[in-house]
Amino acid sequence: LTAWLQALRLQFYPMTWMAYSAGALLALGGGGRLDALAYALGYALLFALEAATVFINDRVDVESDRRNAHHGPFSGGSRVLVDGPLTPARHARGIGVALTATAALAGALLAHAGTPALALALLLLALLALGYTAPPLRLSWRGWGEATVAVTRSVGVSGVGWLAQGGAPGAALPWLLALPLGLAVLPAIILAGLPDRAADAAVGKRTLA
């Protein structure tokens, strides 16, 4: 249990929850009632997707993490593969469970409150989140990782909250919410990459840092 809690890297999840909740509450507008089931399914989906993302990050970045002498709570991975609390086989099963949960929860959310816009938003969010380190995109290895995090943790998760509560797809309001969120996340993720710079460079990973 301790190893899996370490692998989840729960310190990253509050930002996702806050942005998602802000988008959901914004959609209520003039006194509407929160769809509690849609809210719960939406956040459970985002939690599972974030878990799958951090697990995959550990898997793909293991050589960089092994070389990283400056790792900390927000950089250098969870260390579960580097230090050995989880075997690669058990860790791979965790990725499978997280991806299966993501897909099942997406199906449940779309069955309850699905719209074409929400389905498209979930697809794009999953593509960017998983493609952050997973092949073939490997965005964080090509200099696009920081921008990807800024987008997914702003308009990505707040947009899901907005759309799951019936917000209009073409409205400007969620974009106005997402802009300061994205601008706050971008420098934070660049700073988090500074301790990893030498280790990343050693394995050919290109970051803004």
N, C-alpha and C. Protein backbone atom coordinates (compact mmCIF):
# COMPACT_ATOMS: atom_id res chain seq x y z
N LEU A 1 0.83 -1.20 0.00
CA LEU A 1 0.00 0.00 0.00
C LEU A 1 0.87 1.26 0.00
N THR A 2 1.90 1.26 0.82
CA THR A 2 2.81 2.41 0.87
C THR A 2 3.46 2.65 -0.49
N ALA A 3 3.88 1.56 -1.14
CA ALA A 3 4.53 1.70 -2.44
C ALA A 3 3.57 2.28 -3.48
N TRP A 4 2.33 1.82 -3.48
CA TRP A 4 1.37 2.34 -4.46
C TRP A 4 1.00 3.80 -4.16
N LEU A 5 0.91 4.16 -2.90
CA LEU A 5 0.68 5.58 -2.57
C LEU A 5 1.85 6.44 -3.03
N GLN A 6 3.07 5.92 -2.89
CA GLN A 6 4.24 6.62 -3.40
C GLN A 6 4.17 6.76 -4.92
N ALA A 7 3.77 5.69 -5.59
CA ALA A 7 3.69 5.70 -7.05
C ALA A 7 2.64 6.68 -7.55
N LEU A 8 1.55 6.87 -6.81
CA LEU A 8 0.48 7.76 -7.24
C LEU A 8 0.90 9.23 -7.26
N ARG A 9 1.87 9.60 -6.41
CA ARG A 9 2.33 11.00 -6.32
C ARG A 9 1.14 11.94 -6.07
N LEU A 10 0.47 11.72 -4.95
CA LEU A 10 -0.77 12.43 -4.65
C LEU A 10 -0.59 13.94 -4.48
N GLN A 11 0.64 14.41 -4.34
CA GLN A 11 0.86 15.85 -4.20
C GLN A 11 0.44 16.63 -5.44
N PHE A 12 0.30 15.95 -6.59
CA PHE A 12 -0.08 16.65 -7.82
C PHE A 12 -1.59 16.75 -8.01
N TYR A 13 -2.37 15.99 -7.26
CA TYR A 13 -3.79 15.86 -7.56
C TYR A 13 -4.66 17.04 -7.10
N PRO A 14 -4.32 17.75 -6.03
CA PRO A 14 -5.19 18.86 -5.62
C PRO A 14 -5.40 19.92 -6.70
N MET A 15 -4.36 20.21 -7.49
CA MET A 15 -4.51 21.21 -8.56
C MET A 15 -5.54 20.76 -9.58
N THR A 16 -5.50 19.49 -9.94
CA THR A 16 -6.49 18.96 -10.88
C THR A 16 -7.89 19.08 -10.31
N TRP A 17 -8.06 18.69 -9.05
CA TRP A 17 -9.38 18.75 -8.42
C TRP A 17 -9.90 20.19 -8.36
N MET A 18 -9.04 21.14 -8.02
CA MET A 18 -9.47 22.53 -7.90
C MET A 18 -9.88 23.10 -9.27
N ALA A 19 -9.09 22.82 -10.30
CA ALA A 19 -9.42 23.34 -11.63
C ALA A 19 -10.72 22.69 -12.15
N TYR A 20 -10.84 21.39 -11.94
CA TYR A 20 -12.07 20.69 -12.36
C TYR A 20 -13.28 21.25 -11.63
N SER A 21 -13.16 21.44 -10.33
CA SER A 21 -14.28 21.96 -9.53
C SER A 21 -14.64 23.38 -9.94
N ALA A 22 -13.63 24.19 -10.23
CA ALA A 22 -13.89 25.56 -10.67
C ALA A 22 -14.69 25.56 -11.97
N GLY A 23 -14.30 24.69 -12.92
CA GLY A 23 -15.05 24.60 -14.17
C GLY A 23 -16.48 24.14 -13.94
N ALA A 24 -16.67 23.16 -13.06
CA ALA A 24 -18.01 22.66 -12.78
C ALA A 24 -18.88 23.73 -12.13
N LEU A 25 -18.33 24.43 -11.15
CA LEU A 25 -19.11 25.46 -10.46
C LEU A 25 -19.42 26.64 -11.38
N LEU A 26 -18.49 26.95 -12.27
CA LEU A 26 -18.71 28.04 -13.22
C LEU A 26 -19.89 27.74 -14.12
N ALA A 27 -20.08 26.47 -14.47
CA ALA A 27 -21.17 26.09 -15.38
C ALA A 27 -22.54 26.25 -14.73
N LEU A 28 -22.60 26.34 -13.41
CA LEU A 28 -23.90 26.45 -12.76
C LEU A 28 -24.54 27.81 -13.01
N GLY A 29 -23.70 28.82 -13.26
CA GLY A 29 -24.23 30.12 -13.66
C GLY A 29 -25.22 30.69 -12.68
N GLY A 30 -26.42 30.92 -13.16
CA GLY A 30 -27.42 31.63 -12.35
C GLY A 30 -28.24 30.72 -11.47
N GLY A 31 -27.60 30.04 -10.55
CA GLY A 31 -28.34 29.29 -9.55
C GLY A 31 -28.74 27.89 -9.93
N GLY A 32 -28.11 27.31 -10.93
CA GLY A 32 -28.41 25.93 -11.30
C GLY A 32 -27.96 24.96 -10.22
N ARG A 33 -28.42 23.70 -10.33
CA ARG A 33 -28.09 22.69 -9.32
C ARG A 33 -26.99 21.78 -9.84
N LEU A 34 -26.01 21.53 -9.02
CA LEU A 34 -24.89 20.67 -9.39
C LEU A 34 -25.38 19.24 -9.63
N ASP A 35 -24.99 18.65 -10.75
CA ASP A 35 -25.25 17.24 -11.01
C ASP A 35 -24.17 16.44 -10.28
N ALA A 36 -24.53 15.96 -9.10
CA ALA A 36 -23.53 15.34 -8.22
C ALA A 36 -22.94 14.08 -8.84
N LEU A 37 -23.76 13.29 -9.54
CA LEU A 37 -23.24 12.06 -10.14
C LEU A 37 -22.25 12.38 -11.26
N ALA A 38 -22.59 13.35 -12.10
CA ALA A 38 -21.67 13.75 -13.17
C ALA A 38 -20.37 14.30 -12.58
N TYR A 39 -20.49 15.06 -11.50
CA TYR A 39 -19.29 15.61 -10.86
C TYR A 39 -18.41 14.49 -10.31
N ALA A 40 -19.02 13.53 -9.62
CA ALA A 40 -18.26 12.43 -9.03
C ALA A 40 -17.62 11.56 -10.10
N LEU A 41 -18.38 11.22 -11.14
CA LEU A 41 -17.82 10.40 -12.22
C LEU A 41 -16.69 11.13 -12.94
N GLY A 42 -16.89 12.42 -13.16
CA GLY A 42 -15.87 13.21 -13.85
C GLY A 42 -14.57 13.27 -13.07
N TYR A 43 -14.66 13.50 -11.75
CA TYR A 43 -13.41 13.57 -11.00
C TYR A 43 -12.78 12.20 -10.84
N ALA A 44 -13.58 11.16 -10.65
CA ALA A 44 -13.01 9.81 -10.57
C ALA A 44 -12.27 9.47 -11.86
N LEU A 45 -12.84 9.86 -13.00
CA LEU A 45 -12.18 9.65 -14.29
C LEU A 45 -10.84 10.39 -14.33
N LEU A 46 -10.84 11.66 -13.93
CA LEU A 46 -9.60 12.44 -13.96
C LEU A 46 -8.56 11.86 -13.01
N PHE A 47 -8.99 11.36 -11.86
CA PHE A 47 -8.06 10.75 -10.92
C PHE A 47 -7.42 9.52 -11.54
N ALA A 48 -8.24 8.66 -12.17
CA ALA A 48 -7.70 7.45 -12.81
C ALA A 48 -6.76 7.80 -13.95
N LEU A 49 -7.13 8.82 -14.74
CA LEU A 49 -6.27 9.24 -15.85
C LEU A 49 -4.95 9.80 -15.34
N GLU A 50 -5.00 10.58 -14.27
CA GLU A 50 -3.77 11.12 -13.70
C GLU A 50 -2.90 10.01 -13.14
N ALA A 51 -3.52 9.01 -12.51
CA ALA A 51 -2.76 7.87 -12.01
C ALA A 51 -2.07 7.14 -13.16
N ALA A 52 -2.81 6.88 -14.23
CA ALA A 52 -2.21 6.22 -15.39
C ALA A 52 -1.06 7.04 -15.95
N THR A 53 -1.22 8.36 -15.96
CA THR A 53 -0.19 9.24 -16.50
C THR A 53 1.09 9.18 -15.67
N VAL A 54 0.97 9.29 -14.35
CA VAL A 54 2.18 9.28 -13.53
C VAL A 54 2.83 7.90 -13.53
N PHE A 55 2.03 6.84 -13.61
CA PHE A 55 2.62 5.50 -13.71
C PHE A 55 3.42 5.36 -15.01
N ILE A 56 2.84 5.80 -16.12
CA ILE A 56 3.53 5.72 -17.41
C ILE A 56 4.77 6.59 -17.40
N ASN A 57 4.68 7.77 -16.79
CA ASN A 57 5.86 8.64 -16.70
C ASN A 57 7.01 7.92 -16.01
N ASP A 58 6.72 7.24 -14.90
CA ASP A 58 7.76 6.50 -14.20
C ASP A 58 8.37 5.43 -15.10
N ARG A 59 7.53 4.78 -15.86
CA ARG A 59 7.98 3.68 -16.73
C ARG A 59 8.91 4.20 -17.83
N VAL A 60 8.49 5.27 -18.51
CA VAL A 60 9.24 5.78 -19.65
C VAL A 60 10.50 6.52 -19.21
N ASP A 61 10.42 7.21 -18.07
CA ASP A 61 11.53 8.06 -17.61
C ASP A 61 12.46 7.37 -16.63
N VAL A 62 12.38 6.05 -16.52
CA VAL A 62 13.12 5.36 -15.47
C VAL A 62 14.63 5.57 -15.58
N GLU A 63 15.17 5.64 -16.79
CA GLU A 63 16.62 5.84 -16.92
C GLU A 63 17.03 7.23 -16.50
N SER A 64 16.24 8.23 -16.84
CA SER A 64 16.51 9.59 -16.37
C SER A 64 16.40 9.67 -14.85
N ASP A 65 15.36 9.06 -14.29
CA ASP A 65 15.16 9.09 -12.84
C ASP A 65 16.31 8.39 -12.12
N ARG A 66 16.82 7.32 -12.71
CA ARG A 66 17.93 6.59 -12.08
C ARG A 66 19.18 7.46 -12.00
N ARG A 67 19.37 8.34 -12.97
CA ARG A 67 20.55 9.21 -12.99
C ARG A 67 20.36 10.49 -12.16
N ASN A 68 19.15 10.75 -11.74
CA ASN A 68 18.82 12.03 -11.12
C ASN A 68 19.28 12.08 -9.66
N ALA A 69 20.25 12.92 -9.39
CA ALA A 69 20.75 13.06 -8.02
C ALA A 69 20.05 14.18 -7.26
N HIS A 70 19.11 14.87 -7.91
CA HIS A 70 18.46 16.04 -7.31
C HIS A 70 16.94 15.87 -7.26
N HIS A 71 16.48 14.65 -7.17
CA HIS A 71 15.04 14.40 -7.17
C HIS A 71 14.40 14.90 -5.89
N GLY A 72 13.10 15.19 -5.99
CA GLY A 72 12.35 15.67 -4.83
C GLY A 72 10.88 15.35 -5.01
N PRO A 73 10.01 15.93 -4.19
CA PRO A 73 8.58 15.61 -4.26
C PRO A 73 7.94 15.92 -5.61
N PHE A 74 8.47 16.93 -6.32
CA PHE A 74 7.86 17.36 -7.57
C PHE A 74 8.74 17.11 -8.79
N SER A 75 9.81 16.38 -8.63
CA SER A 75 10.69 16.09 -9.76
C SER A 75 11.39 14.76 -9.53
N GLY A 76 11.83 14.15 -10.63
CA GLY A 76 12.59 12.92 -10.53
C GLY A 76 11.78 11.66 -10.38
N GLY A 77 10.47 11.74 -10.61
CA GLY A 77 9.62 10.55 -10.55
C GLY A 77 9.31 10.11 -9.13
N SER A 78 8.53 9.03 -9.03
CA SER A 78 8.11 8.55 -7.71
C SER A 78 9.17 7.68 -7.05
N ARG A 79 10.13 7.15 -7.83
CA ARG A 79 11.24 6.30 -7.38
C ARG A 79 10.83 4.86 -7.09
N VAL A 80 9.59 4.48 -7.39
CA VAL A 80 9.19 3.11 -7.05
C VAL A 80 9.88 2.07 -7.92
N LEU A 81 10.21 2.44 -9.15
CA LEU A 81 10.94 1.52 -10.02
C LEU A 81 12.45 1.65 -9.80
N VAL A 82 12.91 2.86 -9.53
CA VAL A 82 14.35 3.08 -9.32
C VAL A 82 14.80 2.43 -8.02
N ASP A 83 14.05 2.61 -6.94
CA ASP A 83 14.45 2.10 -5.63
C ASP A 83 13.91 0.70 -5.34
N GLY A 84 12.93 0.23 -6.13
CA GLY A 84 12.53 -1.16 -6.05
C GLY A 84 11.33 -1.55 -5.22
N PRO A 85 10.53 -0.62 -4.65
CA PRO A 85 9.34 -1.07 -3.91
C PRO A 85 8.34 -1.82 -4.78
N LEU A 86 8.30 -1.51 -6.08
CA LEU A 86 7.42 -2.21 -7.00
C LEU A 86 8.25 -2.82 -8.13
N THR A 87 7.94 -4.05 -8.48
CA THR A 87 8.62 -4.68 -9.62
C THR A 87 8.04 -4.11 -10.91
N PRO A 88 8.80 -4.16 -12.02
CA PRO A 88 8.26 -3.69 -13.30
C PRO A 88 6.96 -4.40 -13.69
N ALA A 89 6.86 -5.70 -13.41
CA ALA A 89 5.65 -6.43 -13.78
C ALA A 89 4.44 -5.95 -12.98
N ARG A 90 4.62 -5.77 -11.69
CA ARG A 90 3.51 -5.29 -10.86
C ARG A 90 3.13 -3.86 -11.24
N HIS A 91 4.13 -3.04 -11.52
CA HIS A 91 3.89 -1.66 -11.94
C HIS A 91 3.12 -1.64 -13.26
N ALA A 92 3.46 -2.51 -14.19
CA ALA A 92 2.75 -2.59 -15.47
C ALA A 92 1.29 -2.96 -15.26
N ARG A 93 1.01 -3.84 -14.31
CA ARG A 93 -0.38 -4.18 -14.00
C ARG A 93 -1.12 -2.97 -13.45
N GLY A 94 -0.42 -2.14 -12.68
CA GLY A 94 -1.04 -0.91 -12.17
C GLY A 94 -1.43 0.03 -13.31
N ILE A 95 -0.58 0.12 -14.32
CA ILE A 95 -0.92 0.93 -15.49
C ILE A 95 -2.18 0.40 -16.15
N GLY A 96 -2.25 -0.93 -16.30
CA GLY A 96 -3.43 -1.54 -16.91
C GLY A 96 -4.70 -1.27 -16.12
N VAL A 97 -4.61 -1.37 -14.81
CA VAL A 97 -5.78 -1.10 -13.96
C VAL A 97 -6.22 0.36 -14.10
N ALA A 98 -5.27 1.28 -14.08
CA ALA A 98 -5.60 2.71 -14.17
C ALA A 98 -6.23 3.04 -15.52
N LEU A 99 -5.69 2.48 -16.60
CA LEU A 99 -6.26 2.73 -17.93
C LEU A 99 -7.65 2.13 -18.07
N THR A 100 -7.84 0.93 -17.52
CA THR A 100 -9.16 0.29 -17.57
C THR A 100 -10.18 1.11 -16.79
N ALA A 101 -9.78 1.59 -15.61
CA ALA A 101 -10.68 2.43 -14.80
C ALA A 101 -11.02 3.72 -15.53
N THR A 102 -10.04 4.32 -16.19
CA THR A 102 -10.28 5.55 -16.95
C THR A 102 -11.33 5.32 -18.04
N ALA A 103 -11.15 4.25 -18.80
CA ALA A 103 -12.09 3.96 -19.88
C ALA A 103 -13.49 3.66 -19.34
N ALA A 104 -13.59 2.88 -18.26
CA ALA A 104 -14.89 2.54 -17.69
C ALA A 104 -15.59 3.78 -17.15
N LEU A 105 -14.86 4.65 -16.48
CA LEU A 105 -15.46 5.86 -15.92
C LEU A 105 -15.86 6.84 -17.02
N ALA A 106 -15.08 6.89 -18.09
CA ALA A 106 -15.45 7.73 -19.23
C ALA A 106 -16.76 7.25 -19.84
N GLY A 107 -16.89 5.92 -19.97
CA GLY A 107 -18.14 5.38 -20.48
C GLY A 107 -19.32 5.70 -19.59
N ALA A 108 -19.11 5.59 -18.28
CA ALA A 108 -20.19 5.89 -17.34
C ALA A 108 -20.58 7.36 -17.38
N LEU A 109 -19.58 8.24 -17.44
CA LEU A 109 -19.88 9.68 -17.50
C LEU A 109 -20.62 10.03 -18.78
N LEU A 110 -20.17 9.49 -19.90
CA LEU A 110 -20.82 9.81 -21.18
C LEU A 110 -22.22 9.22 -21.24
N ALA A 111 -22.43 8.07 -20.60
CA ALA A 111 -23.78 7.49 -20.56
C ALA A 111 -24.72 8.34 -19.73
N HIS A 112 -24.18 8.98 -18.70
CA HIS A 112 -25.03 9.78 -17.80
C HIS A 112 -25.22 11.21 -18.31
N ALA A 113 -24.15 11.84 -18.77
CA ALA A 113 -24.23 13.27 -19.12
C ALA A 113 -23.46 13.56 -20.39
N GLY A 114 -23.42 12.59 -21.29
CA GLY A 114 -22.56 12.72 -22.46
C GLY A 114 -23.10 13.66 -23.52
N THR A 115 -22.19 14.40 -24.12
CA THR A 115 -22.45 15.22 -25.30
C THR A 115 -21.27 15.02 -26.24
N PRO A 116 -21.43 15.31 -27.52
CA PRO A 116 -20.27 15.21 -28.43
C PRO A 116 -19.09 16.05 -27.97
N ALA A 117 -19.37 17.24 -27.44
CA ALA A 117 -18.29 18.11 -26.98
C ALA A 117 -17.54 17.50 -25.81
N LEU A 118 -18.26 16.90 -24.87
CA LEU A 118 -17.61 16.26 -23.72
C LEU A 118 -16.80 15.06 -24.17
N ALA A 119 -17.34 14.26 -25.09
CA ALA A 119 -16.60 13.10 -25.60
C ALA A 119 -15.30 13.54 -26.27
N LEU A 120 -15.37 14.60 -27.07
CA LEU A 120 -14.17 15.10 -27.74
C LEU A 120 -13.16 15.64 -26.73
N ALA A 121 -13.65 16.36 -25.72
CA ALA A 121 -12.77 16.91 -24.69
C ALA A 121 -12.04 15.80 -23.94
N LEU A 122 -12.76 14.73 -23.60
CA LEU A 122 -12.13 13.61 -22.89
C LEU A 122 -11.09 12.92 -23.76
N LEU A 123 -11.40 12.76 -25.02
CA LEU A 123 -10.45 12.12 -25.94
C LEU A 123 -9.17 12.94 -26.06
N LEU A 124 -9.30 14.25 -26.26
CA LEU A 124 -8.12 15.11 -26.40
C LEU A 124 -7.32 15.16 -25.10
N LEU A 125 -8.03 15.23 -23.97
CA LEU A 125 -7.33 15.27 -22.69
C LEU A 125 -6.53 14.00 -22.45
N ALA A 126 -7.15 12.85 -22.74
CA ALA A 126 -6.45 11.58 -22.57
C ALA A 126 -5.25 11.47 -23.50
N LEU A 127 -5.41 11.93 -24.73
CA LEU A 127 -4.32 11.88 -25.70
C LEU A 127 -3.13 12.71 -25.23
N LEU A 128 -3.39 13.91 -24.74
CA LEU A 128 -2.31 14.78 -24.28
C LEU A 128 -1.69 14.26 -22.98
N ALA A 129 -2.54 13.83 -22.04
CA ALA A 129 -2.02 13.38 -20.74
C ALA A 129 -1.16 12.14 -20.90
N LEU A 130 -1.66 11.15 -21.63
CA LEU A 130 -0.90 9.91 -21.80
C LEU A 130 0.28 10.11 -22.75
N GLY A 131 0.09 10.98 -23.74
CA GLY A 131 1.17 11.25 -24.69
C GLY A 131 2.27 12.13 -24.14
N TYR A 132 2.10 12.61 -22.90
CA TYR A 132 3.13 13.42 -22.27
C TYR A 132 4.47 12.68 -22.26
N THR A 133 4.44 11.40 -21.90
CA THR A 133 5.67 10.62 -21.98
C THR A 133 5.51 9.35 -22.83
N ALA A 134 4.29 8.86 -23.01
CA ALA A 134 4.10 7.59 -23.71
C ALA A 134 4.39 7.72 -25.20
N PRO A 135 5.04 6.72 -25.79
CA PRO A 135 5.20 6.69 -27.24
C PRO A 135 3.82 6.55 -27.90
N PRO A 136 3.63 7.02 -29.13
CA PRO A 136 4.67 7.62 -29.98
C PRO A 136 4.84 9.13 -29.79
N LEU A 137 3.94 9.79 -29.06
CA LEU A 137 4.04 11.25 -28.95
C LEU A 137 5.25 11.69 -28.13
N ARG A 138 5.39 11.15 -26.95
CA ARG A 138 6.52 11.47 -26.04
C ARG A 138 6.76 13.00 -26.01
N LEU A 139 5.70 13.73 -25.73
CA LEU A 139 5.76 15.19 -25.81
C LEU A 139 6.81 15.78 -24.88
N SER A 140 6.95 15.21 -23.69
CA SER A 140 7.92 15.76 -22.74
C SER A 140 9.36 15.53 -23.18
N TRP A 141 9.57 14.62 -24.11
CA TRP A 141 10.91 14.36 -24.63
C TRP A 141 11.24 15.24 -25.83
N ARG A 142 10.26 15.96 -26.35
CA ARG A 142 10.44 16.75 -27.57
C ARG A 142 10.31 18.25 -27.33
N GLY A 143 10.35 18.67 -26.07
CA GLY A 143 10.26 20.09 -25.77
C GLY A 143 8.85 20.62 -25.60
N TRP A 144 7.84 19.74 -25.65
CA TRP A 144 6.45 20.16 -25.54
C TRP A 144 5.81 19.76 -24.22
N GLY A 145 6.58 19.21 -23.30
CA GLY A 145 6.01 18.72 -22.06
C GLY A 145 5.40 19.80 -21.19
N GLU A 146 6.12 20.90 -21.04
CA GLU A 146 5.64 21.96 -20.16
C GLU A 146 4.34 22.58 -20.68
N ALA A 147 4.29 22.82 -21.99
CA ALA A 147 3.06 23.37 -22.58
C ALA A 147 1.91 22.38 -22.43
N THR A 148 2.20 21.10 -22.56
CA THR A 148 1.16 20.07 -22.41
C THR A 148 0.58 20.08 -21.00
N VAL A 149 1.45 20.17 -19.99
CA VAL A 149 0.97 20.22 -18.61
C VAL A 149 0.13 21.47 -18.38
N ALA A 150 0.58 22.61 -18.91
CA ALA A 150 -0.16 23.86 -18.73
C ALA A 150 -1.55 23.76 -19.34
N VAL A 151 -1.67 23.13 -20.50
CA VAL A 151 -2.97 23.00 -21.17
C VAL A 151 -3.87 22.00 -20.45
N THR A 152 -3.32 20.83 -20.12
CA THR A 152 -4.17 19.81 -19.51
C THR A 152 -4.66 20.22 -18.13
N ARG A 153 -3.82 20.90 -17.37
CA ARG A 153 -4.20 21.26 -15.99
C ARG A 153 -4.94 22.59 -15.92
N SER A 154 -5.24 23.17 -17.05
CA SER A 154 -6.06 24.38 -17.06
C SER A 154 -7.33 24.12 -17.87
N VAL A 155 -7.29 24.40 -19.16
CA VAL A 155 -8.50 24.23 -19.98
C VAL A 155 -8.91 22.77 -20.07
N GLY A 156 -7.96 21.84 -19.96
CA GLY A 156 -8.31 20.42 -20.04
C GLY A 156 -9.25 19.99 -18.94
N VAL A 157 -8.82 20.12 -17.69
CA VAL A 157 -9.63 19.61 -16.59
C VAL A 157 -10.79 20.55 -16.24
N SER A 158 -10.57 21.86 -16.34
CA SER A 158 -11.68 22.77 -16.05
C SER A 158 -12.74 22.67 -17.14
N GLY A 159 -12.32 22.41 -18.38
CA GLY A 159 -13.27 22.23 -19.47
C GLY A 159 -14.12 21.00 -19.29
N VAL A 160 -13.54 19.92 -18.78
CA VAL A 160 -14.32 18.71 -18.49
C VAL A 160 -15.36 19.02 -17.42
N GLY A 161 -14.96 19.74 -16.37
CA GLY A 161 -15.92 20.13 -15.34
C GLY A 161 -17.06 20.97 -15.90
N TRP A 162 -16.72 21.92 -16.75
CA TRP A 162 -17.71 22.79 -17.39
C TRP A 162 -18.70 21.98 -18.24
N LEU A 163 -18.16 21.14 -19.12
CA LEU A 163 -19.01 20.39 -20.05
C LEU A 163 -19.84 19.32 -19.35
N ALA A 164 -19.28 18.68 -18.32
CA ALA A 164 -20.02 17.65 -17.60
C ALA A 164 -21.23 18.21 -16.87
N GLN A 165 -21.19 19.50 -16.55
CA GLN A 165 -22.32 20.15 -15.88
C GLN A 165 -23.22 20.89 -16.86
N GLY A 166 -23.05 20.62 -18.15
CA GLY A 166 -23.96 21.19 -19.14
C GLY A 166 -23.55 22.54 -19.66
N GLY A 167 -22.32 22.97 -19.42
CA GLY A 167 -21.86 24.24 -19.95
C GLY A 167 -21.82 24.24 -21.47
N ALA A 168 -22.10 25.38 -22.07
CA ALA A 168 -22.13 25.49 -23.53
C ALA A 168 -20.73 25.31 -24.11
N PRO A 169 -20.57 24.48 -25.14
CA PRO A 169 -19.24 24.23 -25.69
C PRO A 169 -18.55 25.47 -26.25
N GLY A 170 -19.30 26.40 -26.79
CA GLY A 170 -18.68 27.56 -27.43
C GLY A 170 -18.53 28.77 -26.54
N ALA A 171 -18.81 28.65 -25.26
CA ALA A 171 -18.77 29.81 -24.36
C ALA A 171 -17.34 30.27 -24.10
N ALA A 172 -17.18 31.57 -23.87
CA ALA A 172 -15.86 32.13 -23.60
C ALA A 172 -15.45 31.99 -22.14
N LEU A 173 -16.43 31.85 -21.24
CA LEU A 173 -16.15 31.88 -19.81
C LEU A 173 -15.13 30.82 -19.37
N PRO A 174 -15.24 29.55 -19.80
CA PRO A 174 -14.23 28.57 -19.34
C PRO A 174 -12.83 28.88 -19.84
N TRP A 175 -12.73 29.51 -21.00
CA TRP A 175 -11.40 29.89 -21.51
C TRP A 175 -10.81 31.02 -20.67
N LEU A 176 -11.67 31.93 -20.19
CA LEU A 176 -11.19 33.01 -19.33
C LEU A 176 -10.72 32.47 -17.99
N LEU A 177 -11.37 31.42 -17.51
CA LEU A 177 -10.92 30.75 -16.29
C LEU A 177 -9.59 30.03 -16.53
N ALA A 178 -9.48 29.37 -17.68
CA ALA A 178 -8.31 28.55 -17.96
C ALA A 178 -7.04 29.37 -18.18
N LEU A 179 -7.18 30.59 -18.70
CA LEU A 179 -5.99 31.38 -19.03
C LEU A 179 -5.09 31.64 -17.83
N PRO A 180 -5.59 32.20 -16.72
CA PRO A 180 -4.70 32.39 -15.57
C PRO A 180 -4.20 31.07 -14.97
N LEU A 181 -5.03 30.02 -15.04
CA LEU A 181 -4.58 28.73 -14.54
C LEU A 181 -3.38 28.23 -15.35
N GLY A 182 -3.49 28.30 -16.66
CA GLY A 182 -2.40 27.85 -17.51
C GLY A 182 -1.14 28.67 -17.32
N LEU A 183 -1.30 29.97 -17.17
CA LEU A 183 -0.14 30.84 -16.98
C LEU A 183 0.50 30.63 -15.61
N ALA A 184 -0.26 30.14 -14.64
CA ALA A 184 0.31 29.82 -13.34
C ALA A 184 1.05 28.49 -13.37
N VAL A 185 0.48 27.52 -14.11
CA VAL A 185 1.08 26.18 -14.15
C VAL A 185 2.38 26.18 -14.94
N LEU A 186 2.44 26.94 -16.04
CA LEU A 186 3.60 26.87 -16.94
C LEU A 186 4.93 27.16 -16.25
N PRO A 187 5.08 28.29 -15.54
CA PRO A 187 6.37 28.51 -14.87
C PRO A 187 6.64 27.51 -13.77
N ALA A 188 5.58 27.01 -13.12
CA ALA A 188 5.78 26.02 -12.05
C ALA A 188 6.38 24.73 -12.60
N ILE A 189 5.88 24.29 -13.76
CA ILE A 189 6.38 23.03 -14.31
C ILE A 189 7.78 23.22 -14.90
N ILE A 190 8.07 24.41 -15.40
CA ILE A 190 9.44 24.68 -15.87
C ILE A 190 10.42 24.63 -14.70
N LEU A 191 10.04 25.27 -13.59
CA LEU A 191 10.90 25.26 -12.40
C LEU A 191 11.09 23.84 -11.87
N ALA A 192 10.01 23.04 -11.92
CA ALA A 192 10.12 21.66 -11.44
C ALA A 192 11.09 20.84 -12.27
N GLY A 193 11.30 21.25 -13.53
CA GLY A 193 12.22 20.52 -14.39
C GLY A 193 13.68 20.88 -14.21
N LEU A 194 13.96 21.95 -13.49
CA LEU A 194 15.36 22.37 -13.33
C LEU A 194 16.22 21.33 -12.61
N PRO A 195 15.76 20.72 -11.52
CA PRO A 195 16.59 19.69 -10.88
C PRO A 195 16.85 18.47 -11.77
N ASP A 196 15.96 18.25 -12.75
CA ASP A 196 16.07 17.07 -13.62
C ASP A 196 16.94 17.32 -14.84
N ARG A 197 17.40 18.56 -15.03
CA ARG A 197 17.98 18.96 -16.31
C ARG A 197 19.13 18.06 -16.74
N ALA A 198 20.10 17.84 -15.87
CA ALA A 198 21.29 17.06 -16.25
C ALA A 198 20.92 15.61 -16.54
N ALA A 199 20.07 15.02 -15.71
CA ALA A 199 19.67 13.62 -15.92
C ALA A 199 18.87 13.47 -17.21
N ASP A 200 17.98 14.43 -17.47
CA ASP A 200 17.20 14.37 -18.71
C ASP A 200 18.10 14.49 -19.94
N ALA A 201 19.04 15.41 -19.88
CA ALA A 201 19.95 15.60 -21.02
C ALA A 201 20.77 14.34 -21.28
N ALA A 202 21.12 13.63 -20.22
CA ALA A 202 21.96 12.45 -20.36
C ALA A 202 21.27 11.33 -21.13
N VAL A 203 19.92 11.31 -21.11
CA VAL A 203 19.19 10.25 -21.83
C VAL A 203 18.51 10.79 -23.08
N GLY A 204 18.79 12.05 -23.44
CA GLY A 204 18.23 12.61 -24.67
C GLY A 204 16.85 13.21 -24.54
N LYS A 205 16.42 13.49 -23.31
CA LYS A 205 15.11 14.10 -23.10
C LYS A 205 15.25 15.61 -23.15
N ARG A 206 14.54 16.25 -24.07
CA ARG A 206 14.65 17.70 -24.25
C ARG A 206 13.49 18.39 -23.54
N THR A 207 13.80 19.25 -22.60
CA THR A 207 12.79 20.02 -21.87
C THR A 207 13.12 21.50 -22.00
N LEU A 208 12.18 22.37 -21.63
CA LEU A 208 12.45 23.80 -21.66
C LEU A 208 13.56 24.16 -20.67
N ALA A 209 13.62 23.44 -19.56
CA ALA A 209 14.71 23.69 -18.61
C ALA A 209 16.06 23.42 -19.26
